[in-house]
Structures are given as C-alpha cells and as structure tokens.
C-alpha cells in the first residue's frame, strides 16, 4: 500500500472518529480526569479540593500531556487532547485493520463498524471514541499491540501492551492477560518462551509507572479499610460497570447475546489466515476473562466482601472492546473472502455494511448539528448553572482559595468556577482511604438517613436547612454553598439567577447585603 493511500485512509478514519466523539466540552469524564491533570501541574487550581488532593492513579498521563494546561484553558486543553487521541487512534486502527484484512479502504469500513458496535452494543459501559482521558492513549497502544500480534511479532506485543498499562493499568493489564491466554492457546503459532522472555520483561518494566501507583492505592490502608472501600466502590458507586446482575438486564442481555452470536457465526463462516486466528485467540481470551468475572460475581451471595475485592477490577471492560473490534474485522474478512468465493453474497454483505455504517455516521453528524449542553452538565437548567459558576470565576468577590458546598450531582463546578468543592458524586477518589472518607462526606452532606434507595439523598442542599448548612460549612471549611433557588434559606445571598443561588456561610454585617435583581451579584 502506498503512503498516499495510507494517509487517505487514516484521514477518513479520523473523520469517522471525530464525528463519533465531537460532543461539546466537557464530556462526561473530562472534568474528573482533566481537572486532575491540570491540578497536577498547577496545584493552585482549585487547590483545596478534596478529590484533587487524593492519590494520583494516572501519573503517566498527567506527565505526558497535562503540562499543556499551563498554556491552554480547560476547553482548548480538552479539544487538543481529543484531536490528538483521535488522530493516533485512526493511525493505529488503520495499521491493525490492514494487518487483519489486507484490502484497500477496508480500514475505513471497519472503523465505521467499530464505532457503531461500541456505541450501541456495549455491555459493561466501555467506550473507545469520546472525551479525552488516559485510556485513549492506552487504546492506541492496545491497537498497535494487536497489530503486532496479528502479524506474529510477539516481541513487540508485550512492550506495547505494557506501555498501554502504564497509561491505564486496567486497559493494558487485561490486554496482557488476554494476549497471554492467546499465546497459550495458539500452540505452534507463537514465539517460544526462551526467545520472548526479554520482550515480556520489557513490557513488565514499561507497565510499572502505571502498575506501582495502582498497587499503592491500598497501601497502608489496613484490611478493614480496604474492605470498606471495595464495598463502596462496587456496590454503591459503580455496580452498573462491575456487577453483571446490575447491567445484565433488558437490552444488555440482548446486546450480550447479539455480540456472542455474531462472533460465533463469523468464527464459523470465515476462513481464517494465521493473523486472523491470532486475533480470534485474543478475543476469545477477553471472553474468557468476562466469563470468569461473571462466575466470580456469584460470590456476592456467599461472601460480599470477597466478591467486592475481586469485582472492583472491571472484568467486563475488555470484553466490550475486544469483541466489537473482533466482529468488525471478522465481518470485513468474511466480505473479502465472499467477494472471491461467493460474489453475490459478498456484494450484498459489502453493500449492507456500507449502508449501516453510512446511516450511523450520518446520524452522528446530524446530532452534532443540534446545539446541546455538555454531557458533564448533569444538573437542571445547565445554562443557569454555567452562569452561576461563571460569576464565581469572574466577579472577583470569591477568593481563589474558597471552598464550596455544591449539589451532589454537580460535575463541572471546578471546570467553570475553578474553586474547590467538599465532595460530589462523580469525583470518586482512587485510593482506599480517600474512598471511605469521600463516602462519609457524601452521607454527611446529602444523606437523608432513609433506608429507601429512592429517598436516600436530598435533591438539594437547601433541603438540609440554613443551620445545618452552616454547620457543614464550618466542619468542612466551606465558605459558600450553591443550591437551587427553592426552598429559600435565611442566609446571605451572594448571587442569584433563575435556578441557582450562592450563599455565604460566613457571618457578615447586614450592610454588606444589598437588594438586586435575579441573575446579579448581591454582594458589594
């Protein structure tokens, strides 16, 4: 294949990825991960925030890209990272696709199928194309590692997957396990261990910058604290990612059945060359990991603590990625084979694949033409929320070292206001001690004391009352609180708009308060 052809395919794949992921900034996880990256290089950025002060689990990501936050505001920082990630993913995917299906332009078709499948058929909530975070770089290295595997270059597989683990230990770590299972199952179609061990050692060494911080997350926590953190993490916060009983319901069962059915059908229908067989072995390894995770999930009915300590490792995430890319590449391989062996079914299969991918890309493109709020703006009336946060940033009335009590489901306060928070639902720390402390803060701030899951949390901090809000401010050294405008509290109002009000939790003389219209500063 000529360089011009490669460049054209990479650009088209990049366009597909951009259409798939071009959501307004910030996307769902970007305030969480990019906020950490910004704070890593600029400790004064929301410097008194509890989450930012917790342990760093993605130091390699922060070191390699976070420094750009010195020169770029958060929005441009996110967009620059997205564009770079999509470009690298497009390049790596073109290489992997051509290694598995050596036909011109088919990398574009397989990229479209991958986008469609990972968006609509995921089981455990994994994604590849989206916002900017550490696992985007990890997926680039995973694709390159799979390309090496397909080509039988085992000495490259382990360093590349080890490097993936340095960026995101779960993405790279589970990929190493799946590749190891593939190596065991391939028999003679593999490199002998005596010639491969230096590459395995190199991969292990490359993984250490991601592995060591992950191991330190529970270091010194003690068994009781570690068990409590695992229970909170698995049963309270992320059961929809970690416990099959939580996501194997309704359409997710149908997705799981569809993916396995499609994989088995293509497995039987497509004659495989050596490279495709090696890819199949990797996908089967990922399926085996997921099935083991499914079996381990039944431990929760016998020993909930033991189950939580095991299920917290995201046994099902690699399944989403591996089986969707396996189906996309196997379907393309079947089309290429059928075009030679059975031209009519082959042409029909190609036309159907092109049609489905075209419809998906068109829908994504039309969606992006419709103005929407960033996915991270999860609170009602996101425009009013951004106005309130913008006032905090720009008014000059709020010190940079101020700390806020914010709505439980807020995700973008630090992103827009650049001030610290006591705790919010989305900013889950990584280390065991901080997870327990964070959960205690959530229950203290927002808990109702009810055992009913539907009534466990206050809808608004204003519901706790003015006295309790001031007590919480004193306890957590919070100077201000931002709540919904109703119910009204007898506290000093700093700012108010149609949906949100900012209260001072400090005692100020009455002369400091002046009447004003909604949406304006009330502090002089």
Protein backbone atom coordinates (compact mmCIF):
# COMPACT_ATOMS: atom_id res chain seq x y z
CA UNK A 1 0.00 0.00 0.00
CA UNK A 2 1.33 3.44 -0.95
CA UNK A 3 1.90 6.18 1.62
CA UNK A 4 -0.74 8.31 -0.12
CA UNK A 5 -3.27 5.51 0.32
CA UNK A 6 -2.37 5.11 4.00
CA UNK A 7 -2.71 8.84 4.63
CA UNK A 8 -6.09 8.95 2.88
CA UNK A 9 -7.41 6.04 4.92
CA UNK A 10 -6.11 7.47 8.20
CA UNK A 11 -7.78 10.81 7.44
CA UNK A 12 -11.10 9.14 6.70
CA UNK A 13 -10.91 7.01 9.85
CA UNK A 14 -10.05 10.16 11.80
CA UNK A 15 -13.14 11.83 10.34
CA UNK A 16 -15.30 8.89 11.49
CA UNK A 17 -13.84 9.08 14.98
CA UNK A 18 -14.28 12.85 15.13
CA UNK A 19 -17.92 12.61 14.10
CA UNK A 20 -18.46 9.93 16.74
CA UNK A 21 -16.78 11.84 19.56
CA UNK A 22 -17.34 15.52 18.79
CA UNK A 23 -19.54 16.35 21.77
CA UNK A 24 -19.41 19.75 23.48
CA UNK A 25 -16.66 20.12 26.07
CA UNK A 26 -16.59 18.95 28.79
CA UNK A 27 -17.69 15.37 28.13
CA UNK A 28 -18.81 13.06 30.92
CA UNK A 29 -15.40 12.20 32.42
CA UNK A 30 -13.32 15.17 31.32
CA UNK A 31 -13.80 17.40 34.40
CA UNK A 32 -12.74 14.44 36.54
CA UNK A 33 -9.59 13.33 34.67
CA UNK A 34 -8.50 16.60 33.08
CA UNK A 35 -9.16 18.52 36.28
CA UNK A 36 -6.73 16.14 37.99
CA UNK A 37 -4.20 16.66 35.20
CA UNK A 38 -4.46 20.45 35.45
CA UNK A 39 -4.12 20.36 39.24
CA UNK A 40 -1.12 18.01 38.93
CA UNK A 41 0.83 20.74 37.14
CA UNK A 42 -0.84 23.71 38.80
CA UNK A 43 -1.57 22.83 42.45
CA UNK A 44 -3.21 26.21 42.97
CA UNK A 45 -6.02 25.33 40.55
CA UNK A 46 -8.87 24.52 42.98
CA UNK A 47 -6.00 23.74 45.31
CA UNK A 48 -8.07 22.97 48.41
CA UNK A 49 -10.29 20.39 46.69
CA UNK A 50 -10.60 17.01 48.44
CA UNK A 51 -10.61 14.95 45.24
CA UNK A 52 -7.63 16.77 43.73
CA UNK A 53 -5.63 16.12 46.90
CA UNK A 54 -6.29 12.36 46.78
CA UNK A 55 -3.84 9.87 45.26
CA UNK A 56 -2.97 10.10 41.55
CA UNK A 57 -3.63 6.88 39.63
CA UNK A 58 -2.70 8.12 36.12
CA UNK A 59 0.60 9.89 36.65
CA UNK A 60 1.97 8.91 33.21
CA UNK A 61 -0.98 10.61 31.53
CA UNK A 62 -0.55 13.72 33.67
CA UNK A 63 3.19 13.86 32.97
CA UNK A 64 2.98 13.34 29.22
CA UNK A 65 0.11 15.71 28.43
CA UNK A 66 -1.00 17.67 31.49
CA UNK A 67 1.77 20.25 31.10
CA UNK A 68 -0.12 21.80 28.18
CA UNK A 69 -2.66 23.11 30.69
CA UNK A 70 -0.05 25.76 31.58
CA UNK A 71 -0.77 27.45 28.24
CA UNK A 72 -4.24 26.25 27.27
CA UNK A 73 -7.53 27.00 29.02
CA UNK A 74 -9.50 23.88 30.01
CA UNK A 75 -11.72 23.82 26.91
CA UNK A 76 -8.82 24.08 24.46
CA UNK A 77 -6.85 21.63 26.58
CA UNK A 78 -9.66 19.08 26.18
CA UNK A 79 -10.07 19.69 22.44
CA UNK A 80 -6.34 19.43 21.75
CA UNK A 81 -6.25 16.12 23.60
CA UNK A 82 -9.30 14.80 21.78
CA UNK A 83 -7.88 15.65 18.36
CA UNK A 84 -4.53 14.10 19.17
CA UNK A 85 -6.16 10.95 20.58
CA UNK A 86 -8.46 10.52 17.57
CA UNK A 87 -5.54 11.03 15.17
CA UNK A 88 -3.40 8.45 16.95
CA UNK A 89 -6.33 6.03 17.20
CA UNK A 90 -7.01 6.44 13.46
CA UNK A 91 -3.38 5.72 12.62
CA UNK A 92 -3.22 2.69 14.92
CA UNK A 93 -6.57 1.35 13.72
CA UNK A 94 -5.56 1.61 10.06
CA UNK A 95 -2.48 -0.47 10.83
CA UNK A 96 -4.44 -3.08 12.79
CA UNK A 97 -7.22 -3.30 10.22
CA UNK A 98 -4.84 -3.68 7.28
CA UNK A 99 -2.89 -6.35 9.15
CA UNK A 100 -6.11 -8.36 9.63
CA UNK A 101 -7.81 -7.52 6.30
CA UNK A 102 -5.24 -6.55 3.67
CA UNK A 103 -7.52 -4.72 1.27
CA UNK A 104 -7.54 -1.04 0.40
CA UNK A 105 -10.17 1.21 2.02
CA UNK A 106 -11.43 -1.56 4.27
CA UNK A 107 -9.88 0.10 7.33
CA UNK A 108 -12.43 2.89 6.83
CA UNK A 109 -15.29 0.40 6.72
CA UNK A 110 -14.06 -1.48 9.79
CA UNK A 111 -13.63 1.81 11.67
CA UNK A 112 -17.26 2.64 10.95
CA UNK A 113 -18.37 -0.79 12.14
CA UNK A 114 -16.29 -0.42 15.30
CA UNK A 115 -17.87 2.98 16.04
CA UNK A 116 -21.35 1.55 15.54
CA UNK A 117 -20.80 -1.56 17.65
CA UNK A 118 -19.02 0.07 20.58
CA UNK A 119 -21.65 2.79 20.80
CA UNK A 120 -24.79 0.67 20.57
CA UNK A 121 -23.74 -2.82 21.65
CA UNK A 122 -21.52 -2.35 24.69
CA UNK A 123 -22.47 -4.42 27.71
CA UNK A 124 -20.43 -3.01 30.61
CA UNK A 125 -20.29 0.62 29.52
CA UNK A 126 -16.88 0.76 27.84
CA UNK A 127 -16.15 3.23 25.06
CA UNK A 128 -13.21 3.98 22.79
CA UNK A 129 -14.11 7.17 20.93
CA UNK A 130 -15.24 10.04 23.13
CA UNK A 131 -13.76 12.51 25.58
CA UNK A 132 -10.11 12.96 26.41
CA UNK A 133 -8.61 10.85 29.17
CA UNK A 134 -5.79 8.41 29.85
CA UNK A 135 -7.38 5.34 28.34
CA UNK A 136 -7.49 6.96 24.89
CA UNK A 137 -3.69 6.70 24.72
CA UNK A 138 -3.89 3.21 26.21
CA UNK A 139 -6.21 2.12 23.37
CA UNK A 140 -3.72 3.47 20.79
CA UNK A 141 -1.05 1.20 22.25
CA UNK A 142 -3.54 -1.67 22.50
CA UNK A 143 -4.33 -1.38 18.78
CA UNK A 144 -0.63 -1.33 17.94
CA UNK A 145 -0.07 -4.34 20.18
CA UNK A 146 -2.86 -6.21 18.42
CA UNK A 147 -1.37 -5.31 15.05
CA UNK A 148 1.90 -6.87 16.18
CA UNK A 149 0.00 -9.92 17.44
CA UNK A 150 -1.85 -10.34 14.14
CA UNK A 151 1.46 -10.17 12.27
CA UNK A 152 3.01 -12.68 14.66
CA UNK A 153 5.56 -10.20 16.01
CA UNK A 154 5.34 -11.35 19.61
CA UNK A 155 8.44 -9.46 20.67
CA UNK A 156 6.55 -6.23 20.01
CA UNK A 157 3.28 -7.31 21.60
CA UNK A 158 4.42 -7.32 25.21
CA UNK A 159 6.22 -3.93 25.28
CA UNK A 160 3.28 -2.24 23.55
CA UNK A 161 0.70 -3.72 25.92
CA UNK A 162 2.95 -2.94 28.87
CA UNK A 163 3.13 0.67 27.72
CA UNK A 164 -0.68 0.66 27.47
CA UNK A 165 -0.80 -0.43 31.12
CA UNK A 166 1.43 2.50 32.08
CA UNK A 167 -1.26 4.89 30.82
CA UNK A 168 -4.23 2.88 32.09
CA UNK A 169 -3.44 -0.18 34.15
CA UNK A 170 -6.80 -1.89 33.57
CA UNK A 171 -6.83 -1.44 29.78
CA UNK A 172 -3.25 -2.62 29.37
CA UNK A 173 -3.32 -5.15 32.19
CA UNK A 174 -6.34 -7.07 30.96
CA UNK A 175 -4.98 -6.90 27.40
CA UNK A 176 -1.77 -8.56 28.63
CA UNK A 177 -3.83 -11.32 30.25
CA UNK A 178 -5.89 -11.87 27.08
CA UNK A 179 -2.73 -11.91 24.96
CA UNK A 180 -1.20 -14.40 27.38
CA UNK A 181 -4.24 -16.66 27.05
CA UNK A 182 -3.97 -16.32 23.27
CA UNK A 183 -0.29 -17.28 23.39
CA UNK A 184 -1.12 -20.37 25.45
CA UNK A 185 -3.88 -21.42 23.08
CA UNK A 186 -2.08 -20.93 19.78
CA UNK A 187 0.27 -23.88 20.14
CA UNK A 188 2.93 -23.84 17.44
CA UNK A 189 1.76 -20.48 16.07
CA UNK A 190 3.65 -18.48 18.67
CA UNK A 191 7.15 -17.43 19.62
CA UNK A 192 8.92 -19.79 22.02
CA UNK A 193 9.22 -18.51 25.56
CA UNK A 194 13.03 -18.68 25.55
CA UNK A 195 13.18 -16.05 22.81
CA UNK A 196 10.23 -13.99 24.07
CA UNK A 197 11.07 -13.50 27.72
CA UNK A 198 13.19 -10.35 27.17
CA UNK A 199 10.18 -8.72 25.47
CA UNK A 200 7.92 -9.86 28.34
CA UNK A 201 10.37 -8.37 30.84
CA UNK A 202 10.48 -5.12 28.85
CA UNK A 203 6.69 -4.99 28.83
CA UNK A 204 6.58 -5.54 32.57
CA UNK A 205 9.09 -2.74 33.15
CA UNK A 206 7.11 -0.39 30.90
CA UNK A 207 3.94 -1.18 32.85
CA UNK A 208 5.46 -0.24 36.22
CA UNK A 209 4.68 3.52 36.04
CA UNK A 210 1.01 2.53 35.88
CA UNK A 211 1.16 -0.61 38.00
CA UNK A 212 3.01 0.78 41.02
CA UNK A 213 0.60 3.72 41.64
CA UNK A 214 -2.32 1.27 41.30
CA UNK A 215 -0.78 -1.05 43.90
CA UNK A 216 -0.12 1.88 46.24
CA UNK A 217 -3.79 2.88 46.25
CA UNK A 218 -4.46 0.39 49.06
CA UNK A 219 -1.01 0.57 50.64
CA UNK A 220 -1.19 1.04 54.40
CA UNK A 221 -4.98 1.16 54.44
CA UNK A 222 -5.44 -1.93 56.61
CA UNK A 223 -7.78 -4.83 55.84
CA UNK A 224 -10.92 -3.25 57.34
CA UNK A 225 -10.48 0.00 55.43
CA UNK A 226 -9.66 -1.85 52.19
CA UNK A 227 -12.81 -3.97 52.52
CA UNK A 228 -14.94 -0.92 53.22
CA UNK A 229 -13.51 0.88 50.17
CA UNK A 230 -14.18 -2.12 47.94
CA UNK A 231 -17.77 -2.41 49.16
CA UNK A 232 -18.41 1.27 48.49
CA UNK A 233 -16.75 1.14 45.08
CA UNK A 234 -18.52 -1.99 43.85
CA UNK A 235 -21.94 -1.98 45.48
CA UNK A 236 -22.63 1.72 45.96
CA UNK A 237 -20.90 3.63 43.18
CA UNK A 238 -20.18 1.51 40.09
CA UNK A 239 -22.40 -1.59 40.17
CA UNK A 240 -23.53 -0.84 36.60
CA UNK A 241 -19.93 -1.40 35.45
CA UNK A 242 -18.87 -4.12 37.87
CA UNK A 243 -21.78 -6.39 38.80
CA UNK A 244 -23.35 -8.36 35.95
CA UNK A 245 -26.67 -8.59 37.77
CA UNK A 246 -26.85 -4.78 37.55
CA UNK A 247 -26.20 -4.43 33.81
CA UNK A 248 -27.34 -7.83 32.53
CA UNK A 249 -30.92 -6.74 32.27
CA UNK A 250 -33.24 -5.97 29.38
CA UNK A 251 -31.37 -4.64 26.38
CA UNK A 252 -27.98 -5.53 27.87
CA UNK A 253 -28.83 -9.23 27.77
CA UNK A 254 -29.86 -8.78 24.15
CA UNK A 255 -26.59 -6.99 23.40
CA UNK A 256 -24.56 -9.73 25.08
CA UNK A 257 -26.44 -12.41 23.14
CA UNK A 258 -26.08 -10.49 19.88
CA UNK A 259 -22.34 -9.98 20.30
CA UNK A 260 -21.65 -13.60 21.20
CA UNK A 261 -23.96 -14.86 18.45
CA UNK A 262 -22.37 -12.62 15.80
CA UNK A 263 -18.89 -13.60 16.95
CA UNK A 264 -19.64 -17.34 16.82
CA UNK A 265 -21.34 -17.01 13.42
CA UNK A 266 -18.38 -15.14 11.90
CA UNK A 267 -15.97 -17.52 13.61
CA UNK A 268 -17.54 -20.46 11.79
CA UNK A 269 -18.27 -18.73 8.49
CA UNK A 270 -14.96 -17.01 7.81
CA UNK A 271 -11.86 -18.93 6.70
CA UNK A 272 -9.04 -17.51 8.78
CA UNK A 273 -5.43 -16.89 7.87
CA UNK A 274 -2.81 -17.07 10.61
CA UNK A 275 -3.18 -13.40 11.57
CA UNK A 276 -6.94 -13.64 11.94
CA UNK A 277 -6.55 -16.79 14.02
CA UNK A 278 -4.25 -14.94 16.39
CA UNK A 279 -6.78 -12.09 16.67
CA UNK A 280 -9.53 -14.63 17.38
CA UNK A 281 -7.41 -16.13 20.14
CA UNK A 282 -7.09 -12.70 21.77
CA UNK A 283 -10.85 -12.06 21.56
CA UNK A 284 -11.54 -15.49 23.00
CA UNK A 285 -9.17 -14.64 25.84
CA UNK A 286 -11.19 -11.48 26.56
CA UNK A 287 -14.41 -13.53 26.51
CA UNK A 288 -12.85 -16.00 28.96
CA UNK A 289 -11.94 -13.12 31.32
CA UNK A 290 -15.53 -11.84 31.19
CA UNK A 291 -16.98 -15.29 31.83
CA UNK A 292 -14.67 -15.71 34.82
CA UNK A 293 -15.84 -12.34 36.11
CA UNK A 294 -19.42 -13.49 35.65
CA UNK A 295 -18.68 -16.60 37.71
CA UNK A 296 -16.96 -14.56 40.42
CA UNK A 297 -19.98 -12.25 40.68
CA UNK A 298 -21.96 -15.09 42.27
CA UNK A 299 -19.64 -14.85 45.27
CA UNK A 300 -21.64 -11.81 46.39
CA UNK A 301 -24.37 -14.20 47.54
CA UNK A 302 -21.85 -16.07 49.70
CA UNK A 303 -19.23 -13.50 50.75
CA UNK A 304 -19.94 -9.92 49.74
CA UNK A 305 -16.58 -8.62 50.91
CA UNK A 306 -14.62 -11.19 48.94
CA UNK A 307 -16.76 -10.57 45.87
CA UNK A 308 -16.22 -6.81 46.13
CA UNK A 309 -12.45 -7.21 46.47
CA UNK A 310 -12.41 -9.18 43.20
CA UNK A 311 -15.10 -7.44 41.14
CA UNK A 312 -13.51 -4.00 41.51
CA UNK A 313 -11.06 -4.88 38.73
CA UNK A 314 -13.52 -4.34 35.85
CA UNK A 315 -13.60 -7.89 34.48
CA UNK A 316 -16.01 -6.97 31.65
CA UNK A 317 -14.48 -3.84 30.16
CA UNK A 318 -12.05 -5.58 27.78
CA UNK A 319 -14.90 -7.75 26.53
CA UNK A 320 -16.71 -4.70 25.15
CA UNK A 321 -13.65 -3.57 23.21
CA UNK A 322 -12.26 -6.93 22.11
CA UNK A 323 -15.46 -8.48 20.82
CA UNK A 324 -16.60 -5.37 18.93
CA UNK A 325 -13.26 -4.95 17.17
CA UNK A 326 -13.17 -8.72 16.57
CA UNK A 327 -16.62 -8.65 14.95
CA UNK A 328 -15.75 -5.60 12.83
CA UNK A 329 -12.53 -7.14 11.50
CA UNK A 330 -14.03 -10.63 11.08
CA UNK A 331 -17.01 -9.23 9.17
CA UNK A 332 -14.64 -7.41 6.83
CA UNK A 333 -12.59 -10.58 6.40
CA UNK A 334 -15.75 -12.52 5.51
CA UNK A 335 -16.74 -9.88 2.93
CA UNK A 336 -13.30 -10.05 1.29
CA UNK A 337 -13.44 -13.86 1.23
CA UNK A 338 -17.01 -13.92 -0.09
CA UNK A 339 -16.24 -11.43 -2.88
CA UNK A 340 -13.84 -14.04 -4.24
CA UNK A 341 -15.63 -17.28 -3.37
CA UNK A 342 -19.31 -16.23 -3.49
CA UNK A 343 -19.52 -12.89 -5.34
CA UNK A 344 -23.26 -12.27 -4.94
CA UNK A 345 -23.45 -12.77 -1.14
CA UNK A 346 -20.17 -10.88 -0.88
CA UNK A 347 -21.51 -7.86 -2.77
CA UNK A 348 -24.69 -7.92 -0.69
CA UNK A 349 -22.70 -8.12 2.53
CA UNK A 350 -20.49 -5.23 1.45
CA UNK A 351 -23.49 -3.11 0.46
CA UNK A 352 -25.22 -3.84 3.77
CA UNK A 353 -22.10 -2.95 5.77
CA UNK A 354 -21.58 0.29 3.84
CA UNK A 355 -25.26 1.22 4.26
CA UNK A 356 -25.35 0.57 8.00
CA UNK A 357 -22.10 2.45 8.60
CA UNK A 358 -23.26 5.37 6.43
CA UNK A 359 -26.54 5.66 8.34
CA UNK A 360 -24.70 5.60 11.66
CA UNK A 361 -22.21 8.27 10.61
CA UNK A 362 -24.99 10.43 9.18
CA UNK A 363 -26.99 10.21 12.40
CA UNK A 364 -23.92 11.20 14.43
CA UNK A 365 -23.21 14.12 12.09
CA UNK A 366 -26.80 15.38 12.25
CA UNK A 367 -26.74 15.03 16.03
CA UNK A 368 -23.72 17.31 16.21
CA UNK A 369 -25.59 19.98 14.24
CA UNK A 370 -28.17 20.24 17.03
CA UNK A 371 -26.99 22.52 19.87
CA UNK A 372 -26.70 20.59 23.12
CA UNK A 373 -25.25 21.12 26.55
CA UNK A 374 -22.05 19.30 27.51
CA UNK A 375 -22.76 15.82 28.83
CA UNK A 376 -20.95 16.68 32.06
CA UNK A 377 -23.57 19.38 32.80
CA UNK A 378 -25.92 16.96 34.52
CA UNK A 379 -27.83 19.48 36.62
CA UNK A 380 -31.19 21.02 35.61
CA UNK A 381 -31.01 24.29 33.67
CA UNK A 382 -27.40 23.91 32.63
CA UNK A 383 -27.27 27.46 31.21
CA UNK A 384 -28.14 28.94 34.60
CA UNK A 385 -25.61 26.62 36.24
CA UNK A 386 -22.84 27.85 33.95
CA UNK A 387 -23.85 31.46 34.65
CA UNK A 388 -23.56 30.91 38.39
CA UNK A 389 -20.16 29.23 38.03
CA UNK A 390 -19.03 31.99 35.69
CA UNK A 391 -19.90 34.60 38.30
CA UNK A 392 -17.72 32.80 40.85
CA UNK A 393 -14.81 32.86 38.41
CA UNK A 394 -15.17 36.40 37.09
CA UNK A 395 -16.77 38.56 39.78
CA UNK A 396 -13.72 38.96 41.98
CA UNK A 397 -15.93 38.55 45.06
CA UNK A 398 -14.89 34.96 45.74
CA UNK A 399 -11.25 34.28 46.76
CA UNK A 400 -9.35 31.72 44.71
CA UNK A 401 -8.81 29.54 47.79
CA UNK A 402 -12.53 29.42 48.66
CA UNK A 403 -14.23 26.07 49.12
CA UNK A 404 -17.86 25.38 48.17
CA UNK A 405 -20.66 23.06 49.12
CA UNK A 406 -22.15 22.14 45.74
CA UNK A 407 -25.05 19.95 44.51
CA UNK A 408 -24.36 16.23 44.88
CA UNK A 409 -24.59 15.52 41.13
CA UNK A 410 -22.61 18.56 40.02
CA UNK A 411 -19.65 17.65 37.86
CA UNK A 412 -18.44 20.88 36.30
CA UNK A 413 -18.19 23.37 39.16
CA UNK A 414 -14.38 23.24 39.31
CA UNK A 415 -14.22 23.25 35.50
CA UNK A 416 -16.16 26.52 35.22
CA UNK A 417 -15.52 28.22 38.58
CA UNK A 418 -12.01 26.90 39.35
CA UNK A 419 -12.80 26.72 43.04
CA UNK A 420 -12.62 23.77 45.42
CA UNK A 421 -15.51 21.53 46.49
CA UNK A 422 -16.06 19.42 49.60
CA UNK A 423 -17.30 16.33 47.72
CA UNK A 424 -19.50 15.37 44.76
CA UNK A 425 -20.80 12.08 43.41
CA UNK A 426 -18.69 11.96 40.25
CA UNK A 427 -15.34 12.82 41.80
CA UNK A 428 -14.59 9.37 43.19
CA UNK A 429 -11.06 9.08 44.58
CA UNK A 430 -8.94 6.07 43.69
CA UNK A 431 -7.17 5.19 46.94
CA UNK A 432 -8.92 3.17 49.66
CA UNK A 433 -8.60 5.71 52.47
CA UNK A 434 -9.94 8.59 50.37
CA UNK A 435 -12.84 6.48 49.03
CA UNK A 436 -14.07 5.84 52.57
CA UNK A 437 -13.61 9.48 53.57
CA UNK A 438 -15.35 10.64 50.41
CA UNK A 439 -18.34 8.34 51.05
CA UNK A 440 -18.62 9.59 54.62
CA UNK A 441 -18.68 13.16 53.30
CA UNK A 442 -21.43 12.33 50.82
CA UNK A 443 -23.60 10.78 53.53
CA UNK A 444 -22.91 13.70 55.85
CA UNK A 445 -23.66 16.36 53.25
CA UNK A 446 -26.51 14.87 51.26
CA UNK A 447 -27.80 11.85 53.15
CA UNK A 448 -31.38 11.80 54.46
CA UNK A 449 -30.90 8.85 56.78
CA UNK A 450 -33.57 6.86 54.93
CA UNK A 451 -33.06 3.20 54.08
CA UNK A 452 -35.17 3.64 50.93
CA UNK A 453 -32.77 3.89 47.94
CA UNK A 454 -35.22 6.28 46.25
CA UNK A 455 -35.10 8.68 49.19
CA UNK A 456 -31.51 8.24 50.30
CA UNK A 457 -30.29 11.65 49.15
CA UNK A 458 -31.52 15.21 49.40
CA UNK A 459 -32.39 16.65 46.00
CA UNK A 460 -30.88 19.99 47.01
CA UNK A 461 -28.57 21.18 49.74
CA UNK A 462 -31.20 23.79 50.57
CA UNK A 463 -33.35 20.98 51.99
CA UNK A 464 -30.97 20.48 54.93
CA UNK A 465 -31.80 23.96 56.27
CA UNK A 466 -29.73 27.04 57.00
CA UNK A 467 -28.43 25.95 60.41
CA UNK A 468 -27.27 22.55 59.17
CA UNK A 469 -25.72 24.12 56.08
CA UNK A 470 -23.66 26.49 58.22
CA UNK A 471 -22.63 23.60 60.47
CA UNK A 472 -21.45 21.66 57.41
CA UNK A 473 -19.59 24.72 56.18
CA UNK A 474 -17.78 25.04 59.49
CA UNK A 475 -16.99 21.31 59.63
CA UNK A 476 -15.52 21.14 56.13
CA UNK A 477 -14.11 24.69 55.99
CA UNK A 478 -16.51 25.65 53.19
CA UNK A 479 -17.10 29.36 52.75
CA UNK A 480 -20.00 29.21 50.32
CA UNK A 481 -22.83 26.99 49.16
CA UNK A 482 -24.51 26.85 45.77
CA UNK A 483 -28.04 25.41 45.73
CA UNK A 484 -31.31 25.55 43.85
CA UNK A 485 -33.24 28.77 44.49
CA UNK A 486 -36.04 26.89 46.26
CA UNK A 487 -36.53 26.29 49.13
CA UNK A 488 -35.24 29.68 50.21
CA UNK A 489 -32.75 29.93 53.08
CA UNK A 490 -32.23 32.83 55.53
CA UNK A 491 -28.57 33.20 54.57
CA UNK A 492 -26.58 35.97 52.93
CA UNK A 493 -27.07 35.80 49.16
CA UNK A 494 -24.02 36.49 47.06
CA UNK A 495 -25.52 35.79 43.65
CA UNK A 496 -28.81 34.55 42.26
CA UNK A 497 -30.29 33.67 38.89
CA UNK A 498 -33.45 31.91 37.80
CA UNK A 499 -32.35 28.47 39.07
CA UNK A 500 -29.35 28.76 41.37
CA UNK A 501 -28.32 30.85 44.34
CA UNK A 502 -24.93 31.22 46.01
CA UNK A 503 -24.99 31.71 49.78
CA UNK A 504 -22.19 32.88 52.00
CA UNK A 505 -21.76 30.65 55.01
CA UNK A 506 -19.78 33.30 56.89
CA UNK A 507 -21.29 35.87 59.24
CA UNK A 508 -21.34 39.31 57.60
CA UNK A 509 -22.87 42.61 58.71
CA UNK A 510 -26.26 43.47 57.20
CA UNK A 511 -24.75 46.45 55.37
CA UNK A 512 -22.88 44.00 53.16
CA UNK A 513 -26.12 42.82 51.58
CA UNK A 514 -27.90 44.94 49.00
CA UNK A 515 -31.04 44.30 47.02
CA UNK A 516 -30.67 43.48 43.36
CA UNK A 517 -32.39 41.74 40.50
CA UNK A 518 -32.12 37.98 39.85
CA UNK A 519 -29.02 36.98 37.97
CA UNK A 520 -26.90 39.71 39.51
CA UNK A 521 -24.35 39.87 42.31
CA UNK A 522 -25.91 40.68 45.68
CA UNK A 523 -22.58 41.37 47.35
CA UNK A 524 -20.95 44.77 47.36
